[in-house]
Structures are given as structure tokens and as C-alpha cells.
């Protein structure tokens, strides 16, 4: 990483070889002339070429710090890209997990409501009924908070960003509508079937909105993960190759 670029070394070597070939072809038997006239007189005839070769060697030596700085800069750029893509991959993994947990929590909540017995019994709602709703409700609230925190930075196309916003919006609307119902499911209270039925269409609508967005997002996350995976592998290989 600290030496000159390979293509520059090859080019310089070829140029030097061409100059030497031309010099020998024009100069003839150099060593014979040196024996006859002496090296000092011979070199005087070629002082321009000698000066050029010395200048070329000096330039190559002087350029070593520049090559080193370029190599360091390239390594830092690769490291920065690697860290950015690795962070993106981690965010995608967390978002996929949070997405799955959120849709599962909504499913669990809907099934818990569907399994409720009569909420208008004599004596009112029992403690078992309250507990059967409270657990899934608390889990849903936690998964919504987790999903919001795991979204990470903006990524993807306009459609992806719209779906991210839509999924969170529909999940929050589902929770708000659910709160209207769960606030009435308290110990000793009584709920008529008509009152419960008023909330069902909205809950099902918001659930469907969440699941529609989730399907699109899951596919987008998989596509993005497949895209950046090979890039991370290449950057990692380049960084490891450049280690001293």
C-alpha cells in the first residue's frame, strides 16, 4: 500500500528501457568509446541524458511520500464506505426483526379480541378477561415503540420511504382505535355486542394497512441486503489485503 501504484512502475520501467535502447542504438559501442576516450569525455557527450535520468530517479524518490498519502487516503475511504454499509446492513436486520414483531403483535392482539367471551355478563367483566386483553395490549405497545426506535436512517426509494411511514401510521391508528375498546374492558364493566362491533371495521382496516406495507418493506429489505452484501465483502477483502 505504501509503494508506487503498479501501473506507474510498469510505465516508468518501460520508458527507461526505451530510452536506454535508443541511447545504445545511437551511441554504438559505449564501452569501446569509454576505453578509447575515457569515461569522463564520453559522459560529457551524454550529460543531457544523464541529467534527465537523474531527474527521473529523483522524481520517483520524491513521489514516495505522495504515494504513501494516496494509499492512506484510499484506505480511509474504503474503511468509511465499509463502516457505512455495515451500519446499513445492521439497521436493515433490526428493522426486519422489528417489522416481524410488530405484525405478529397485531395478529396476537386481534386473535385475543376474537377469543373473548361475552363482555356483557351479569356481574360485569371478570379479572380473567381483563388479563387476557392486557397482556397482548402491553406487548403491542412495546413492539410499536421498538419499531419506531429501530427504523434507523432513511434508505431506499420513495416507495420504500412511503411504506415505512405508512406502516408506522397504520400501526399507531390501530393502537389508538384499540385503546378506545380496551379502556372499556375493565373489571366489573359491561360491553354490548353493538359497542364492540363499532370498533371492528376500523381495527381490521388498520391491520390490513400495516400488513400491506409490511409485505412491501420485507421484500425491499431483502433486496437491499442482497445488494450491499457483496459490496461489504469486496470492501472487507480490499481492507484486509491492504494491511501491512
Protein backbone atom coordinates (compact mmCIF):
# COMPACT_ATOMS: atom_id res chain seq x y z
CA UNK A 1 0.00 0.00 0.00
CA UNK A 2 2.95 2.36 0.64
CA UNK A 3 4.76 1.87 -2.72
CA UNK A 4 4.01 3.48 -6.07
CA UNK A 5 0.97 2.23 -7.98
CA UNK A 6 1.73 -0.85 -10.07
CA UNK A 7 0.74 0.72 -13.39
CA UNK A 8 3.06 3.66 -12.75
CA UNK A 9 6.01 1.37 -12.02
CA UNK A 10 5.42 -0.55 -15.24
CA UNK A 11 5.12 2.64 -17.27
CA UNK A 12 8.32 4.11 -15.78
CA UNK A 13 10.22 0.88 -16.36
CA UNK A 14 9.12 0.70 -19.99
CA UNK A 15 10.06 4.33 -20.55
CA UNK A 16 13.50 3.79 -19.03
CA UNK A 17 14.05 0.68 -21.13
CA UNK A 18 13.06 2.55 -24.31
CA UNK A 19 15.44 5.39 -23.53
CA UNK A 20 18.32 3.01 -22.85
CA UNK A 21 17.68 1.06 -26.06
CA UNK A 22 17.61 4.28 -28.07
CA UNK A 23 20.73 5.51 -26.33
CA UNK A 24 22.71 2.31 -27.01
CA UNK A 25 21.48 2.23 -30.62
CA UNK A 26 22.64 5.78 -31.25
CA UNK A 27 25.78 5.70 -29.14
CA UNK A 28 27.18 2.49 -30.61
CA UNK A 29 29.75 0.55 -28.63
CA UNK A 30 29.73 2.65 -25.48
CA UNK A 31 32.32 0.63 -23.65
CA UNK A 32 34.69 0.73 -26.62
CA UNK A 33 34.45 4.52 -26.73
CA UNK A 34 34.96 4.67 -22.99
CA UNK A 35 38.17 2.66 -23.31
CA UNK A 36 39.43 4.85 -26.14
CA UNK A 37 38.39 8.32 -24.93
CA UNK A 38 37.81 7.75 -21.22
CA UNK A 39 34.56 7.79 -19.24
CA UNK A 40 34.77 11.48 -18.43
CA UNK A 41 34.91 12.62 -22.06
CA UNK A 42 32.22 10.11 -23.01
CA UNK A 43 29.79 11.22 -20.29
CA UNK A 44 30.20 14.86 -21.32
CA UNK A 45 28.63 13.96 -24.66
CA UNK A 46 25.62 12.49 -22.86
CA UNK A 47 25.24 14.92 -19.99
CA UNK A 48 21.67 15.89 -21.04
CA UNK A 49 20.51 12.28 -20.98
CA UNK A 50 22.32 11.66 -17.70
CA UNK A 51 20.70 14.70 -16.15
CA UNK A 52 17.28 13.51 -17.35
CA UNK A 53 17.80 10.06 -15.85
CA UNK A 54 18.96 11.56 -12.56
CA UNK A 55 15.91 13.87 -12.54
CA UNK A 56 13.62 10.90 -13.21
CA UNK A 57 15.14 8.95 -10.33
CA UNK A 58 14.86 11.96 -8.03
CA UNK A 59 11.21 12.44 -9.03
CA UNK A 60 10.40 8.82 -8.27
CA UNK A 61 12.07 9.09 -4.86
CA UNK A 62 10.33 12.40 -4.10
CA UNK A 63 6.97 10.93 -5.07
CA UNK A 64 7.12 8.15 -2.47
CA UNK A 65 5.53 10.27 0.30
CA UNK A 66 2.76 11.24 -2.13
CA UNK A 67 2.12 7.60 -2.99
CA UNK A 68 2.02 6.82 0.70
CA UNK A 69 -0.51 9.58 1.37
CA UNK A 70 -2.64 8.44 -1.57
CA UNK A 71 -2.57 4.89 -0.24
CA UNK A 72 -3.58 6.07 3.24
CA UNK A 73 -6.38 8.20 1.77
CA UNK A 74 -7.67 5.28 -0.28
CA UNK A 75 -7.58 3.00 2.75
CA UNK A 76 -9.50 5.56 4.83
CA UNK A 77 -12.11 5.93 2.06
CA UNK A 78 -12.58 2.16 1.85
CA UNK A 79 -12.87 1.97 5.65
CA UNK A 80 -15.50 4.71 5.67
CA UNK A 81 -17.55 3.01 2.95
CA UNK A 82 -17.22 -0.31 4.76
CA UNK A 83 -18.47 1.18 8.05
CA UNK A 84 -21.37 2.94 6.32
CA UNK A 85 -22.53 -0.21 4.53
CA UNK A 86 -22.05 -2.34 7.64
CA UNK A 87 -24.19 0.10 9.63
CA UNK A 88 -26.82 -0.04 6.85
CA UNK A 89 -26.80 -3.85 6.98
CA UNK A 90 -27.23 -3.79 10.77
CA UNK A 91 -30.13 -1.31 10.54
CA UNK A 92 -31.83 -3.44 7.91
CA UNK A 93 -31.55 -6.52 10.09
CA UNK A 94 -33.02 -4.69 13.09
CA UNK A 95 -35.80 -3.17 11.00
CA UNK A 96 -36.74 -6.56 9.56
CA UNK A 97 -36.92 -8.06 13.07
CA UNK A 98 -38.95 -5.12 14.41
CA UNK A 99 -41.28 -5.35 11.41
CA UNK A 100 -41.90 -9.05 12.03
CA UNK A 101 -42.51 -8.49 15.76
CA UNK A 102 -44.96 -5.67 15.11
CA UNK A 103 -47.09 -7.61 12.66
CA UNK A 104 -47.03 -10.62 15.00
CA UNK A 105 -48.13 -8.44 17.93
CA UNK A 106 -51.08 -7.08 15.95
CA UNK A 107 -52.07 -10.61 14.97
CA UNK A 108 -51.87 -11.73 18.60
CA UNK A 109 -54.00 -8.76 19.69
CA UNK A 110 -56.67 -9.43 17.07
CA UNK A 111 -56.83 -13.12 17.99
CA UNK A 112 -57.09 -12.22 21.69
CA UNK A 113 -60.08 -9.96 20.97
CA UNK A 114 -61.71 -12.59 18.78
CA UNK A 115 -61.38 -15.18 21.54
CA UNK A 116 -63.07 -13.03 24.19
CA UNK A 117 -66.24 -14.47 25.71
CA UNK A 118 -69.38 -12.43 26.29
CA UNK A 119 -68.37 -8.98 27.58
CA UNK A 120 -71.86 -8.22 28.84
CA UNK A 121 -72.29 -10.88 31.52
CA UNK A 122 -74.22 -10.48 34.71
CA UNK A 123 -71.80 -9.06 37.22
CA UNK A 124 -69.62 -7.47 34.56
CA UNK A 125 -66.23 -8.29 33.04
CA UNK A 126 -64.10 -10.68 35.08
CA UNK A 127 -60.42 -10.43 36.02
CA UNK A 128 -59.51 -13.26 33.62
CA UNK A 129 -60.98 -11.32 30.71
CA UNK A 130 -59.04 -8.20 31.67
CA UNK A 131 -55.79 -10.16 31.87
CA UNK A 132 -56.39 -11.88 28.52
CA UNK A 133 -56.51 -8.47 26.84
CA UNK A 134 -53.95 -6.62 28.96
CA UNK A 135 -51.02 -8.92 28.11
CA UNK A 136 -51.30 -8.72 24.29
CA UNK A 137 -52.06 -5.00 24.52
CA UNK A 138 -48.89 -4.28 26.51
CA UNK A 139 -46.83 -6.40 24.11
CA UNK A 140 -48.25 -4.49 21.15
CA UNK A 141 -47.37 -1.14 22.69
CA UNK A 142 -43.79 -2.29 23.30
CA UNK A 143 -43.35 -3.57 19.77
CA UNK A 144 -44.58 -0.24 18.35
CA UNK A 145 -42.00 1.61 20.45
CA UNK A 146 -39.30 -0.81 19.33
CA UNK A 147 -40.26 -0.45 15.69
CA UNK A 148 -40.04 3.34 15.91
CA UNK A 149 -36.58 3.14 17.52
CA UNK A 150 -35.23 0.56 15.05
CA UNK A 151 -36.23 2.39 11.86
CA UNK A 152 -32.79 3.97 11.62
CA UNK A 153 -31.81 6.49 8.90
CA UNK A 154 -33.80 6.97 5.71
CA UNK A 155 -32.99 4.50 2.94
CA UNK A 156 -34.41 3.15 -0.29
CA UNK A 157 -36.72 4.55 -2.94
CA UNK A 158 -39.63 6.94 -2.49
CA UNK A 159 -41.96 3.93 -2.35
CA UNK A 160 -39.90 2.36 0.43
CA UNK A 161 -39.93 5.56 2.46
CA UNK A 162 -43.67 5.93 1.93
CA UNK A 163 -44.26 2.35 3.05
CA UNK A 164 -42.16 2.86 6.18
CA UNK A 165 -44.22 5.90 7.11
CA UNK A 166 -47.47 4.13 6.18
CA UNK A 167 -46.74 1.08 8.29
CA UNK A 168 -45.99 3.14 11.39
CA UNK A 169 -49.02 5.38 10.76
CA UNK A 170 -51.39 2.41 10.40
CA UNK A 171 -49.93 0.72 13.48
CA UNK A 172 -50.46 3.86 15.57
CA UNK A 173 -54.01 4.21 14.27
CA UNK A 174 -54.67 0.57 15.16
CA UNK A 175 -53.40 1.23 18.70
CA UNK A 176 -55.50 4.38 19.08
CA UNK A 177 -58.65 2.57 17.97
CA UNK A 178 -57.77 -0.36 20.21
CA UNK A 179 -57.36 1.97 23.17
CA UNK A 180 -60.98 3.09 22.81
CA UNK A 181 -62.04 -0.52 23.27
CA UNK A 182 -59.56 -1.62 25.94
CA UNK A 183 -60.40 1.42 28.08
CA UNK A 184 -63.87 -0.09 28.38
CA UNK A 185 -62.63 -3.59 29.21
CA UNK A 186 -62.24 -3.08 32.92
CA UNK A 187 -63.20 -5.21 35.88
CA UNK A 188 -66.96 -5.17 36.54
CA UNK A 189 -67.84 -3.22 33.38
CA UNK A 190 -70.31 -4.49 30.78
CA UNK A 191 -70.00 -4.09 26.98
CA UNK A 192 -72.74 -4.76 24.47
CA UNK A 193 -72.02 -6.52 21.20
CA UNK A 194 -73.06 -3.39 19.32
CA UNK A 195 -70.44 -1.30 21.13
CA UNK A 196 -67.72 -3.84 20.35
CA UNK A 197 -68.82 -4.11 16.72
CA UNK A 198 -68.33 -0.37 16.24
CA UNK A 199 -64.55 -0.80 16.59
CA UNK A 200 -64.12 -3.93 14.47
CA UNK A 201 -64.13 -2.37 10.94
CA UNK A 202 -61.53 0.25 11.85
CA UNK A 203 -59.29 -2.29 13.58
CA UNK A 204 -59.41 -4.62 10.59
CA UNK A 205 -58.74 -1.74 8.18
CA UNK A 206 -55.68 -0.53 10.08
CA UNK A 207 -54.41 -4.08 10.47
CA UNK A 208 -54.65 -4.60 6.71
CA UNK A 209 -52.79 -1.33 6.14
CA UNK A 210 -49.95 -2.50 8.38
CA UNK A 211 -49.69 -5.87 6.69
CA UNK A 212 -49.76 -4.43 3.16
CA UNK A 213 -46.89 -2.08 3.99
CA UNK A 214 -45.04 -4.86 5.81
CA UNK A 215 -45.08 -7.17 2.77
CA UNK A 216 -43.59 -4.48 0.52
CA UNK A 217 -40.99 -3.47 3.14
CA UNK A 218 -39.91 -7.04 3.76
CA UNK A 219 -39.22 -7.50 0.04
CA UNK A 220 -37.39 -4.17 -0.13
CA UNK A 221 -35.22 -5.07 2.88
CA UNK A 222 -34.29 -8.41 1.33
CA UNK A 223 -33.38 -6.74 -1.98
CA UNK A 224 -31.27 -4.08 -0.27
CA UNK A 225 -29.50 -6.68 1.88
CA UNK A 226 -28.67 -8.74 -1.22
CA UNK A 227 -27.35 -5.62 -2.95
CA UNK A 228 -24.99 -4.40 -0.23
CA UNK A 229 -23.84 -7.85 0.93
CA UNK A 230 -21.37 -8.37 -1.96
CA UNK A 231 -20.19 -4.75 -1.65
CA UNK A 232 -19.33 -5.28 2.02
CA UNK A 233 -17.46 -8.48 1.17
CA UNK A 234 -15.39 -6.72 -1.52
CA UNK A 235 -14.55 -3.80 0.76
CA UNK A 236 -13.58 -6.15 3.56
CA UNK A 237 -11.29 -8.10 1.22
CA UNK A 238 -9.68 -4.89 -0.02
CA UNK A 239 -9.09 -3.65 3.53
CA UNK A 240 -7.59 -6.98 4.63
CA UNK A 241 -5.35 -7.10 1.54
CA UNK A 242 -4.05 -3.63 2.30
CA UNK A 243 -2.98 -4.48 5.85
CA UNK A 244 0.81 -4.24 6.38
